[in-house]
């Protein structure tokens, strides 16, 4: 049986999909390996391709992650 949901295991990708207007449909997984579910439609897949294709959104989240990592590495 085909899963009717797209599973975003990357928090930054899930945030981007939400920003693009796609609704969260639930959560899958256990422990720290959670995945946010979205409708498995072509528009979601296109948004994912855009996110990973060196987009401005990807660059923004990369910078956010770098700042967050820097803060935690320096005792914040």
Protein backbone atom coordinates (compact mmCIF):
# COMPACT_ATOMS: atom_id res chain seq x y z
CA UNK A 1 0.00 0.00 0.00
CA UNK A 2 1.37 3.40 -0.99
CA UNK A 3 1.85 5.92 1.78
CA UNK A 4 -0.32 8.97 1.13
CA UNK A 5 2.04 11.28 2.99
CA UNK A 6 5.38 12.85 2.23
CA UNK A 7 7.70 12.49 5.25
CA UNK A 8 9.99 15.43 5.98
CA UNK A 9 12.71 14.23 8.34
CA UNK A 10 14.59 17.52 8.12
CA UNK A 11 13.21 20.23 10.42
CA UNK A 12 14.36 22.98 8.08
CA UNK A 13 12.64 21.36 5.09
CA UNK A 14 9.45 20.88 7.11
CA UNK A 15 9.55 24.54 8.13
CA UNK A 16 10.02 25.58 4.51
CA UNK A 17 7.09 23.43 3.38
CA UNK A 18 4.91 25.01 6.06
CA UNK A 19 6.07 28.46 4.93
CA UNK A 20 5.09 27.52 1.35
CA UNK A 21 1.55 26.93 2.57
CA UNK A 22 1.44 23.14 2.88
CA UNK A 23 -0.42 21.80 5.90
CA UNK A 24 1.17 19.43 8.38
CA UNK A 25 -0.79 16.17 8.45
CA UNK A 26 0.82 14.46 11.42
CA UNK A 27 4.02 12.99 12.82
CA UNK A 28 5.62 9.60 12.25
CA UNK A 29 8.53 7.90 13.94
CA UNK A 30 9.72 7.28 17.45
CA UNK A 31 12.13 8.89 19.85
CA UNK A 32 14.27 11.55 18.21
CA UNK A 33 13.62 10.18 14.72
CA UNK A 34 10.35 12.01 14.11
CA UNK A 35 9.18 12.99 10.64
CA UNK A 36 6.58 15.64 9.84
CA UNK A 37 3.93 14.46 7.38
CA UNK A 38 2.61 16.46 4.44
CA UNK A 39 0.32 15.51 1.57
CA UNK A 40 2.24 13.48 -1.01
CA UNK A 41 1.48 15.70 -3.99
CA UNK A 42 3.64 16.97 -6.86
CA UNK A 43 3.69 20.53 -5.47
CA UNK A 44 5.32 19.31 -2.23
CA UNK A 45 7.96 17.41 -4.20
CA UNK A 46 8.62 20.51 -6.33
CA UNK A 47 9.02 22.64 -3.19
CA UNK A 48 11.51 20.07 -1.84
CA UNK A 49 13.50 20.21 -5.06
CA UNK A 50 13.52 24.00 -4.85
CA UNK A 51 14.69 23.87 -1.22
CA UNK A 52 17.61 21.55 -2.00
CA UNK A 53 18.56 23.26 -5.28
CA UNK A 54 20.78 25.84 -3.58
CA UNK A 55 17.81 28.11 -2.98
CA UNK A 56 17.80 31.24 -0.86
CA UNK A 57 15.62 29.41 1.67
CA UNK A 58 18.22 26.67 2.01
CA UNK A 59 20.96 29.26 2.50
CA UNK A 60 18.90 31.01 5.19
CA UNK A 61 18.37 27.77 7.13
CA UNK A 62 22.05 26.81 6.75
CA UNK A 63 22.99 30.15 8.32
CA UNK A 64 20.42 29.68 11.08
CA UNK A 65 21.87 26.24 11.86
CA UNK A 66 25.43 27.61 11.90
CA UNK A 67 24.49 30.37 14.36
CA UNK A 68 22.57 27.91 16.56
CA UNK A 69 25.50 25.47 16.57
CA UNK A 70 27.94 28.28 17.35
CA UNK A 71 25.84 29.43 20.31
CA UNK A 72 25.54 25.94 21.77
CA UNK A 73 29.25 25.22 21.27
CA UNK A 74 30.08 28.36 23.22
CA UNK A 75 28.02 27.63 26.30
CA UNK A 76 24.72 29.31 25.55
